[in-house]
Amino acid sequence: MKPAERPAAIRSALEAAFAPHAIEVVDESHKHAGHAGARDGRGHFKVALVSDRFAGQGPLARHRAVYAALGDLMTTDIHALSIEAHTPSEIRSR
C-alpha cells in the first residue's frame, strides 16, 4: 500500500471494529525519517478512539483490541502505533 493510503486504511479498519464516537488518525512518519525502525518503509501513527466497545476493558485489553482490528496492517504498513482508547464516559469526566 502507498504511504498516503495508510491513514485511510487504518481509519476504515478501526471504524469497522469499534463504531467510534470520535476517531483521529495521525501519520507521524515524517518525525521518524532516518530512524532505524522506519527503514523498512512502514509508518509511525497515532490513533485516538472513543468507543463504547472499550467499556469494562483495561488499557492492555483495549490496545490488544486495536492491534487485532488492524490485523495485517500491523505487519505490512505500521511500524509504530501510539494508542489512546477511551469510552465516552471517560471523556465526559475529564
PDB file of N, CA and C in Angstrom:
ATOM      1  N   MET A   1       0.840  -1.167   0.000  1.00  0.00           N
ATOM      2  CA  MET A   1       0.000   0.000   0.000  1.00  0.00           C
ATOM      3  C   MET A   1       0.890   1.237   0.000  1.00  0.00           C
ATOM      4  N   LYS A   2       0.464   2.251  -0.701  1.00  0.00           N
ATOM      5  CA  LYS A   2       1.210   3.503  -0.732  1.00  0.00           C
ATOM      6  C   LYS A   2       1.103   4.205   0.618  1.00  0.00           C
ATOM      7  N   PRO A   3       2.186   4.861   1.049  1.00  0.00           N
ATOM      8  CA  PRO A   3       2.147   5.541   2.347  1.00  0.00           C
ATOM      9  C   PRO A   3       0.972   6.507   2.514  1.00  0.00           C
ATOM     10  N   ALA A   4       0.589   7.202   1.467  1.00  0.00           N
ATOM     11  CA  ALA A   4      -0.510   8.167   1.563  1.00  0.00           C
ATOM     12  C   ALA A   4      -1.861   7.491   1.817  1.00  0.00           C
ATOM     13  N   GLU A   5      -1.965   6.202   1.507  1.00  0.00           N
ATOM     14  CA  GLU A   5      -3.218   5.469   1.687  1.00  0.00           C
ATOM     15  C   GLU A   5      -3.362   4.877   3.089  1.00  0.00           C
ATOM     16  N   ARG A   6      -2.295   4.847   3.846  1.00  0.00           N
ATOM     17  CA  ARG A   6      -2.294   4.172   5.146  1.00  0.00           C
ATOM     18  C   ARG A   6      -3.264   4.781   6.162  1.00  0.00           C
ATOM     19  N   PRO A   7      -3.282   6.107   6.358  1.00  0.00           N
ATOM     20  CA  PRO A   7      -4.220   6.652   7.361  1.00  0.00           C
ATOM     21  C   PRO A   7      -5.676   6.274   7.077  1.00  0.00           C
ATOM     22  N   ALA A   8      -6.090   6.311   5.827  1.00  0.00           N
ATOM     23  CA  ALA A   8      -7.470   5.950   5.486  1.00  0.00           C
ATOM     24  C   ALA A   8      -7.730   4.472   5.757  1.00  0.00           C
ATOM     25  N   ALA A   9      -6.756   3.615   5.481  1.00  0.00           N
ATOM     26  CA  ALA A   9      -6.919   2.189   5.739  1.00  0.00           C
ATOM     27  C   ALA A   9      -7.017   1.919   7.240  1.00  0.00           C
ATOM     28  N   ILE A  10      -6.207   2.611   8.025  1.00  0.00           N
ATOM     29  CA  ILE A  10      -6.263   2.473   9.480  1.00  0.00           C
ATOM     30  C   ILE A  10      -7.615   2.939   9.993  1.00  0.00           C
ATOM     31  N   ARG A  11      -8.038   4.110   9.539  1.00  0.00           N
ATOM     32  CA  ARG A  11      -9.339   4.661   9.953  1.00  0.00           C
ATOM     33  C   ARG A  11     -10.470   3.694   9.612  1.00  0.00           C
ATOM     34  N   SER A  12     -10.465   3.161   8.421  1.00  0.00           N
ATOM     35  CA  SER A  12     -11.514   2.248   7.985  1.00  0.00           C
ATOM     36  C   SER A  12     -11.582   0.995   8.855  1.00  0.00           C
ATOM     37  N   ALA A  13     -10.424   0.414   9.142  1.00  0.00           N
ATOM     38  CA  ALA A  13     -10.385  -0.794   9.973  1.00  0.00           C
ATOM     39  C   ALA A  13     -10.895  -0.509  11.380  1.00  0.00           C
ATOM     40  N   LEU A  14     -10.506   0.627  11.950  1.00  0.00           N
ATOM     41  CA  LEU A  14     -10.924   0.971  13.305  1.00  0.00           C
ATOM     42  C   LEU A  14     -12.402   1.344  13.363  1.00  0.00           C
ATOM     43  N   GLU A  15     -12.899   2.016  12.343  1.00  0.00           N
ATOM     44  CA  GLU A  15     -14.328   2.347  12.297  1.00  0.00           C
ATOM     45  C   GLU A  15     -15.168   1.079  12.222  1.00  0.00           C
ATOM     46  N   ALA A  16     -14.729   0.117  11.428  1.00  0.00           N
ATOM     47  CA  ALA A  16     -15.467  -1.137  11.295  1.00  0.00           C
ATOM     48  C   ALA A  16     -15.490  -1.924  12.603  1.00  0.00           C
ATOM     49  N   ALA A  17     -14.403  -1.901  13.325  1.00  0.00           N
ATOM     50  CA  ALA A  17     -14.299  -2.692  14.550  1.00  0.00           C
ATOM     51  C   ALA A  17     -14.928  -2.039  15.773  1.00  0.00           C
ATOM     52  N   PHE A  18     -14.882  -0.710  15.847  1.00  0.00           N
ATOM     53  CA  PHE A  18     -15.266  -0.038  17.082  1.00  0.00           C
ATOM     54  C   PHE A  18     -16.451   0.921  16.985  1.00  0.00           C
ATOM     55  N   ALA A  19     -16.933   1.222  15.783  1.00  0.00           N
ATOM     56  CA  ALA A  19     -18.024   2.196  15.618  1.00  0.00           C
ATOM     57  C   ALA A  19     -17.788   3.386  16.551  1.00  0.00           C
ATOM     58  N   PRO A  20     -16.652   4.056  16.409  1.00  0.00           N
ATOM     59  CA  PRO A  20     -16.281   5.083  17.377  1.00  0.00           C
ATOM     60  C   PRO A  20     -17.148   6.341  17.329  1.00  0.00           C
ATOM     61  N   HIS A  21     -17.280   6.958  18.501  1.00  0.00           N
ATOM     62  CA  HIS A  21     -17.931   8.266  18.592  1.00  0.00           C
ATOM     63  C   HIS A  21     -16.993   9.327  18.027  1.00  0.00           C
ATOM     64  N   ALA A  22     -15.702   9.099  18.207  1.00  0.00           N
ATOM     65  CA  ALA A  22     -14.672  10.007  17.692  1.00  0.00           C
ATOM     66  C   ALA A  22     -13.451   9.171  17.337  1.00  0.00           C
ATOM     67  N   ILE A  23     -12.775   9.609  16.294  1.00  0.00           N
ATOM     68  CA  ILE A  23     -11.555   8.921  15.871  1.00  0.00           C
ATOM     69  C   ILE A  23     -10.601   9.936  15.258  1.00  0.00           C
ATOM     70  N   GLU A  24      -9.336   9.761  15.548  1.00  0.00           N
ATOM     71  CA  GLU A  24      -8.297  10.593  14.950  1.00  0.00           C
ATOM     72  C   GLU A  24      -7.134   9.674  14.586  1.00  0.00           C
ATOM     73  N   VAL A  25      -6.670   9.803  13.374  1.00  0.00           N
ATOM     74  CA  VAL A  25      -5.510   9.042  12.911  1.00  0.00           C
ATOM     75  C   VAL A  25      -4.493  10.054  12.399  1.00  0.00           C
ATOM     76  N   VAL A  26      -3.309  10.047  13.002  1.00  0.00           N
ATOM     77  CA  VAL A  26      -2.268  10.998  12.623  1.00  0.00           C
ATOM     78  C   VAL A  26      -1.041  10.228  12.153  1.00  0.00           C
ATOM     79  N   ASP A  27      -0.588  10.553  10.955  1.00  0.00           N
ATOM     80  CA  ASP A  27       0.637   9.948  10.413  1.00  0.00           C
ATOM     81  C   ASP A  27       1.820  10.772  10.922  1.00  0.00           C
ATOM     82  N   GLU A  28       2.627  10.167  11.764  1.00  0.00           N
ATOM     83  CA  GLU A  28       3.793  10.841  12.320  1.00  0.00           C
ATOM     84  C   GLU A  28       5.094  10.321  11.715  1.00  0.00           C
ATOM     85  N   SER A  29       4.994   9.671  10.583  1.00  0.00           N
ATOM     86  CA  SER A  29       6.169   9.061   9.951  1.00  0.00           C
ATOM     87  C   SER A  29       7.263  10.067   9.661  1.00  0.00           C
ATOM     88  N   HIS A  30       6.879  11.283   9.303  1.00  0.00           N
ATOM     89  CA  HIS A  30       7.874  12.310   8.970  1.00  0.00           C
ATOM     90  C   HIS A  30       8.778  12.634  10.159  1.00  0.00           C
ATOM     91  N   LYS A  31       8.293  12.409  11.371  1.00  0.00           N
ATOM     92  CA  LYS A  31       9.091  12.678  12.564  1.00  0.00           C
ATOM     93  C   LYS A  31      10.175  11.622  12.782  1.00  0.00           C
ATOM     94  N   HIS A  32      10.077  10.528  12.041  1.00  0.00           N
ATOM     95  CA  HIS A  32      10.980   9.404  12.254  1.00  0.00           C
ATOM     96  C   HIS A  32      11.857   9.102  11.038  1.00  0.00           C
ATOM     97  N   ALA A  33      11.943  10.026  10.119  1.00  0.00           N
ATOM     98  CA  ALA A  33      12.782   9.835   8.932  1.00  0.00           C
ATOM     99  C   ALA A  33      14.213   9.542   9.367  1.00  0.00           C
ATOM    100  N   GLY A  34      14.783   8.504   8.822  1.00  0.00           N
ATOM    101  CA  GLY A  34      16.141   8.118   9.157  1.00  0.00           C
ATOM    102  C   GLY A  34      16.246   7.210  10.367  1.00  0.00           C
ATOM    103  N   HIS A  35      15.163   7.067  11.105  1.00  0.00           N
ATOM    104  CA  HIS A  35      15.109   6.185  12.278  1.00  0.00           C
ATOM    105  C   HIS A  35      15.276   4.738  11.810  1.00  0.00           C
ATOM    106  N   ALA A  36      16.030   3.968  12.552  1.00  0.00           N
ATOM    107  CA  ALA A  36      16.303   2.581  12.165  1.00  0.00           C
ATOM    108  C   ALA A  36      15.025   1.799  11.915  1.00  0.00           C
ATOM    109  N   GLY A  37      14.003   2.005  12.728  1.00  0.00           N
ATOM    110  CA  GLY A  37      12.747   1.285  12.567  1.00  0.00           C
ATOM    111  C   GLY A  37      11.941   1.708  11.368  1.00  0.00           C
ATOM    112  N   ALA A  38      12.240   2.868  10.814  1.00  0.00           N
ATOM    113  CA  ALA A  38      11.488   3.365   9.661  1.00  0.00           C
ATOM    114  C   ALA A  38      12.100   2.909   8.339  1.00  0.00           C
ATOM    115  N   ARG A  39      13.245   2.308   8.378  1.00  0.00           N
ATOM    116  CA  ARG A  39      13.928   1.912   7.146  1.00  0.00           C
ATOM    117  C   ARG A  39      13.201   0.840   6.356  1.00  0.00           C
ATOM    118  N   ASP A  40      12.338   0.083   7.031  1.00  0.00           N
ATOM    119  CA  ASP A  40      11.614  -0.977   6.324  1.00  0.00           C
ATOM    120  C   ASP A  40      10.424  -0.438   5.536  1.00  0.00           C
ATOM    121  N   GLY A  41      10.183   0.880   5.615  1.00  0.00           N
ATOM    122  CA  GLY A  41       9.132   1.504   4.818  1.00  0.00           C
ATOM    123  C   GLY A  41       7.784   1.591   5.504  1.00  0.00           C
ATOM    124  N   ARG A  42       7.660   0.989   6.673  1.00  0.00           N
ATOM    125  CA  ARG A  42       6.389   1.077   7.386  1.00  0.00           C
ATOM    126  C   ARG A  42       6.320   2.404   8.138  1.00  0.00           C
ATOM    127  N   GLY A  43       5.099   2.801   8.542  1.00  0.00           N
ATOM    128  CA  GLY A  43       4.912   4.121   9.121  1.00  0.00           C
ATOM    129  C   GLY A  43       4.715   4.145  10.619  1.00  0.00           C
ATOM    130  N   HIS A  44       4.770   5.359  11.163  1.00  0.00           N
ATOM    131  CA  HIS A  44       4.540   5.639  12.572  1.00  0.00           C
ATOM    132  C   HIS A  44       3.225   6.412  12.668  1.00  0.00           C
ATOM    133  N   PHE A  45       2.309   5.932  13.511  1.00  0.00           N
ATOM    134  CA  PHE A  45       0.988   6.538  13.597  1.00  0.00           C
ATOM    135  C   PHE A  45       0.549   6.733  15.034  1.00  0.00           C
ATOM    136  N   LYS A  46      -0.351   7.691  15.203  1.00  0.00           N
ATOM    137  CA  LYS A  46      -1.005   7.922  16.488  1.00  0.00           C
ATOM    138  C   LYS A  46      -2.501   7.833  16.233  1.00  0.00           C
ATOM    139  N   VAL A  47      -3.201   7.057  17.053  1.00  0.00           N
ATOM    140  CA  VAL A  47      -4.652   6.968  16.929  1.00  0.00           C
ATOM    141  C   VAL A  47      -5.291   7.304  18.269  1.00  0.00           C
ATOM    142  N   ALA A  48      -6.414   7.974  18.197  1.00  0.00           N
ATOM    143  CA  ALA A  48      -7.226   8.271  19.376  1.00  0.00           C
ATOM    144  C   ALA A  48      -8.650   7.849  19.043  1.00  0.00           C
ATOM    145  N   LEU A  49      -9.216   7.021  19.924  1.00  0.00           N
ATOM    146  CA  LEU A  49     -10.553   6.476  19.702  1.00  0.00           C
ATOM    147  C   LEU A  49     -11.417   6.675  20.929  1.00  0.00           C
ATOM    148  N   VAL A  50     -12.687   6.957  20.692  1.00  0.00           N
ATOM    149  CA  VAL A  50     -13.674   6.987  21.756  1.00  0.00           C
ATOM    150  C   VAL A  50     -14.778   6.028  21.314  1.00  0.00           C
ATOM    151  N   SER A  51     -14.944   4.938  22.076  1.00  0.00           N
ATOM    152  CA  SER A  51     -15.906   3.919  21.686  1.00  0.00           C
ATOM    153  C   SER A  51     -16.520   3.250  22.907  1.00  0.00           C
ATOM    154  N   ASP A  52     -17.799   2.933  22.806  1.00  0.00           N
ATOM    155  CA  ASP A  52     -18.488   2.176  23.852  1.00  0.00           C
ATOM    156  C   ASP A  52     -17.886   0.782  24.003  1.00  0.00           C
ATOM    157  N   ARG A  53     -17.267   0.282  22.970  1.00  0.00           N
ATOM    158  CA  ARG A  53     -16.727  -1.082  22.986  1.00  0.00           C
ATOM    159  C   ARG A  53     -15.541  -1.252  23.937  1.00  0.00           C
ATOM    160  N   PHE A  54     -15.014  -0.158  24.454  1.00  0.00           N
ATOM    161  CA  PHE A  54     -13.913  -0.246  25.411  1.00  0.00           C
ATOM    162  C   PHE A  54     -14.406  -0.373  26.856  1.00  0.00           C
ATOM    163  N   ALA A  55     -15.712  -0.279  27.059  1.00  0.00           N
ATOM    164  CA  ALA A  55     -16.273  -0.364  28.413  1.00  0.00           C
ATOM    165  C   ALA A  55     -15.890  -1.697  29.053  1.00  0.00           C
ATOM    166  N   GLY A  56     -15.447  -1.623  30.287  1.00  0.00           N
ATOM    167  CA  GLY A  56     -15.089  -2.823  31.030  1.00  0.00           C
ATOM    168  C   GLY A  56     -13.723  -3.393  30.694  1.00  0.00           C
ATOM    169  N   GLN A  57     -12.990  -2.719  29.816  1.00  0.00           N
ATOM    170  CA  GLN A  57     -11.661  -3.189  29.432  1.00  0.00           C
ATOM    171  C   GLN A  57     -10.590  -2.274  30.017  1.00  0.00           C
ATOM    172  N   GLY A  58      -9.504  -2.882  30.459  1.00  0.00           N
ATOM    173  CA  GLY A  58      -8.353  -2.114  30.901  1.00  0.00           C
ATOM    174  C   GLY A  58      -7.533  -1.669  29.705  1.00  0.00           C
ATOM    175  N   PRO A  59      -6.519  -0.863  29.950  1.00  0.00           N
ATOM    176  CA  PRO A  59      -5.691  -0.347  28.850  1.00  0.00           C
ATOM    177  C   PRO A  59      -5.060  -1.439  27.982  1.00  0.00           C
ATOM    178  N   LEU A  60      -4.548  -2.493  28.583  1.00  0.00           N
ATOM    179  CA  LEU A  60      -3.910  -3.552  27.794  1.00  0.00           C
ATOM    180  C   LEU A  60      -4.907  -4.240  26.876  1.00  0.00           C
ATOM    181  N   ALA A  61      -6.087  -4.533  27.372  1.00  0.00           N
ATOM    182  CA  ALA A  61      -7.120  -5.171  26.546  1.00  0.00           C
ATOM    183  C   ALA A  61      -7.554  -4.255  25.409  1.00  0.00           C
ATOM    184  N   ARG A  62      -7.626  -2.968  25.681  1.00  0.00           N
ATOM    185  CA  ARG A  62      -8.006  -2.010  24.635  1.00  0.00           C
ATOM    186  C   ARG A  62      -6.942  -1.973  23.536  1.00  0.00           C
ATOM    187  N   HIS A  63      -5.688  -1.944  23.937  1.00  0.00           N
ATOM    188  CA  HIS A  63      -4.611  -1.920  22.948  1.00  0.00           C
ATOM    189  C   HIS A  63      -4.599  -3.206  22.125  1.00  0.00           C
ATOM    190  N   ARG A  64      -4.791  -4.319  22.784  1.00  0.00           N
ATOM    191  CA  ARG A  64      -4.845  -5.590  22.055  1.00  0.00           C
ATOM    192  C   ARG A  64      -5.992  -5.601  21.057  1.00  0.00           C
ATOM    193  N   ALA A  65      -7.129  -5.041  21.447  1.00  0.00           N
ATOM    194  CA  ALA A  65      -8.279  -4.977  20.541  1.00  0.00           C
ATOM    195  C   ALA A  65      -7.969  -4.108  19.323  1.00  0.00           C
ATOM    196  N   VAL A  66      -7.266  -3.007  19.540  1.00  0.00           N
ATOM    197  CA  VAL A  66      -6.886  -2.145  18.414  1.00  0.00           C
ATOM    198  C   VAL A  66      -5.920  -2.880  17.488  1.00  0.00           C
ATOM    199  N   TYR A  67      -4.917  -3.538  18.069  1.00  0.00           N
ATOM    200  CA  TYR A  67      -3.971  -4.308  17.242  1.00  0.00           C
ATOM    201  C   TYR A  67      -4.703  -5.373  16.440  1.00  0.00           C
ATOM    202  N   ALA A  68      -5.632  -6.066  17.073  1.00  0.00           N
ATOM    203  CA  ALA A  68      -6.387  -7.117  16.381  1.00  0.00           C
ATOM    204  C   ALA A  68      -7.217  -6.531  15.242  1.00  0.00           C
ATOM    205  N   ALA A  69      -7.832  -5.373  15.481  1.00  0.00           N
ATOM    206  CA  ALA A  69      -8.645  -4.738  14.440  1.00  0.00           C
ATOM    207  C   ALA A  69      -7.807  -4.330  13.239  1.00  0.00           C
ATOM    208  N   LEU A  70      -6.570  -3.957  13.487  1.00  0.00           N
ATOM    209  CA  LEU A  70      -5.689  -3.535  12.393  1.00  0.00           C
ATOM    210  C   LEU A  70      -5.086  -4.714  11.650  1.00  0.00           C
ATOM    211  N   GLY A  71      -5.096  -5.878  12.252  1.00  0.00           N
ATOM    212  CA  GLY A  71      -4.689  -7.107  11.590  1.00  0.00           C
ATOM    213  C   GLY A  71      -3.359  -7.010  10.868  1.00  0.00           C
ATOM    214  N   ASP A  72      -3.373  -7.359   9.604  1.00  0.00           N
ATOM    215  CA  ASP A  72      -2.157  -7.402   8.789  1.00  0.00           C
ATOM    216  C   ASP A  72      -1.480  -6.049   8.632  1.00  0.00           C
ATOM    217  N   LEU A  73      -2.218  -4.958   8.794  1.00  0.00           N
ATOM    218  CA  LEU A  73      -1.597  -3.636   8.686  1.00  0.00           C
ATOM    219  C   LEU A  73      -0.457  -3.491   9.690  1.00  0.00           C
ATOM    220  N   MET A  74      -0.570  -4.193  10.825  1.00  0.00           N
ATOM    221  CA  MET A  74       0.468  -4.114  11.849  1.00  0.00           C
ATOM    222  C   MET A  74       1.794  -4.717  11.370  1.00  0.00           C
ATOM    223  N   THR A  75       1.748  -5.624  10.428  1.00  0.00           N
ATOM    224  CA  THR A  75       2.989  -6.247   9.943  1.00  0.00           C
ATOM    225  C   THR A  75       3.404  -5.750   8.567  1.00  0.00           C
ATOM    226  N   THR A  76       2.470  -5.134   7.844  1.00  0.00           N
ATOM    227  CA  THR A  76       2.796  -4.702   6.484  1.00  0.00           C
ATOM    228  C   THR A  76       2.984  -3.197   6.337  1.00  0.00           C
ATOM    229  N   ASP A  77       2.287  -2.398   7.158  1.00  0.00           N
ATOM    230  CA  ASP A  77       2.278  -0.949   6.938  1.00  0.00           C
ATOM    231  C   ASP A  77       2.554  -0.099   8.175  1.00  0.00           C
ATOM    232  N   ILE A  78       2.430  -0.685   9.355  1.00  0.00           N
ATOM    233  CA  ILE A  78       2.608   0.080  10.593  1.00  0.00           C
ATOM    234  C   ILE A  78       3.840  -0.434  11.322  1.00  0.00           C
ATOM    235  N   HIS A  79       4.780   0.479  11.570  1.00  0.00           N
ATOM    236  CA  HIS A  79       5.959   0.129  12.361  1.00  0.00           C
ATOM    237  C   HIS A  79       5.719   0.445  13.836  1.00  0.00           C
ATOM    238  N   ALA A  80       5.147   1.616  14.102  1.00  0.00           N
ATOM    239  CA  ALA A  80       4.904   2.050  15.474  1.00  0.00           C
ATOM    240  C   ALA A  80       3.512   2.670  15.567  1.00  0.00           C
ATOM    241  N   LEU A  81       2.862   2.415  16.706  1.00  0.00           N
ATOM    242  CA  LEU A  81       1.499   2.895  16.883  1.00  0.00           C
ATOM    243  C   LEU A  81       1.309   3.381  18.320  1.00  0.00           C
ATOM    244  N   SER A  82       0.913   4.631  18.457  1.00  0.00           N
ATOM    245  CA  SER A  82       0.557   5.204  19.746  1.00  0.00           C
ATOM    246  C   SER A  82      -0.967   5.178  19.833  1.00  0.00           C
ATOM    247  N   ILE A  83      -1.498   4.662  20.939  1.00  0.00           N
ATOM    248  CA  ILE A  83      -2.949   4.466  21.062  1.00  0.00           C
ATOM    249  C   ILE A  83      -3.496   5.182  22.282  1.00  0.00           C
ATOM    250  N   GLU A  84      -4.558   5.952  22.072  1.00  0.00           N
ATOM    251  CA  GLU A  84      -5.383   6.485  23.147  1.00  0.00           C
ATOM    252  C   GLU A  84      -6.768   5.911  22.912  1.00  0.00           C
ATOM    253  N   ALA A  85      -7.258   5.106  23.847  1.00  0.00           N
ATOM    254  CA  ALA A  85      -8.552   4.442  23.692  1.00  0.00           C
ATOM    255  C   ALA A  85      -9.394   4.692  24.938  1.00  0.00           C
ATOM    256  N   HIS A  86     -10.533   5.359  24.753  1.00  0.00           N
ATOM    257  CA  HIS A  86     -11.386   5.753  25.875  1.00  0.00           C
ATOM    258  C   HIS A  86     -12.844   5.441  25.578  1.00  0.00           C
ATOM    259  N   THR A  87     -13.623   5.378  26.641  1.00  0.00           N
ATOM    260  CA  THR A  87     -15.074   5.297  26.498  1.00  0.00           C
ATOM    261  C   THR A  87     -15.634   6.716  26.503  1.00  0.00           C
ATOM    262  N   PRO A  88     -16.850   6.898  26.020  1.00  0.00           N
ATOM    263  CA  PRO A  88     -17.449   8.246  26.049  1.00  0.00           C
ATOM    264  C   PRO A  88     -17.534   8.809  27.474  1.00  0.00           C
ATOM    265  N   SER A  89     -17.862   7.977  28.458  1.00  0.00           N
ATOM    266  CA  SER A  89     -17.974   8.481  29.828  1.00  0.00           C
ATOM    267  C   SER A  89     -16.629   8.937  30.382  1.00  0.00           C
ATOM    268  N   GLU A  90     -15.552   8.290  29.972  1.00  0.00           N
ATOM    269  CA  GLU A  90     -14.226   8.726  30.404  1.00  0.00           C
ATOM    270  C   GLU A  90     -13.882  10.099  29.851  1.00  0.00           C
ATOM    271  N   ILE A  91     -14.290  10.350  28.629  1.00  0.00           N
ATOM    272  CA  ILE A  91     -14.036  11.658  28.012  1.00  0.00           C
ATOM    273  C   ILE A  91     -14.885  12.731  28.690  1.00  0.00           C
ATOM    274  N   ARG A  92     -16.134  12.429  28.993  1.00  0.00           N
ATOM    275  CA  ARG A  92     -17.022  13.405  29.639  1.00  0.00           C
ATOM    276  C   ARG A  92     -16.547  13.770  31.039  1.00  0.00           C
ATOM    277  N   SER A  93     -15.900  12.821  31.715  1.00  0.00           N
ATOM    278  CA  SER A  93     -15.493  13.085  33.104  1.00  0.00           C
ATOM    279  C   SER A  93     -14.159  13.820  33.210  1.00  0.00           C
ATOM    280  N   ARG A  94     -13.548  14.163  32.129  1.00  0.00           N
ATOM    281  CA  ARG A  94     -12.284  14.896  32.150  1.00  0.00           C
ATOM    282  C   ARG A  94     -12.486  16.337  32.540  1.00  0.00           C
TER     283      ARG A  94
END
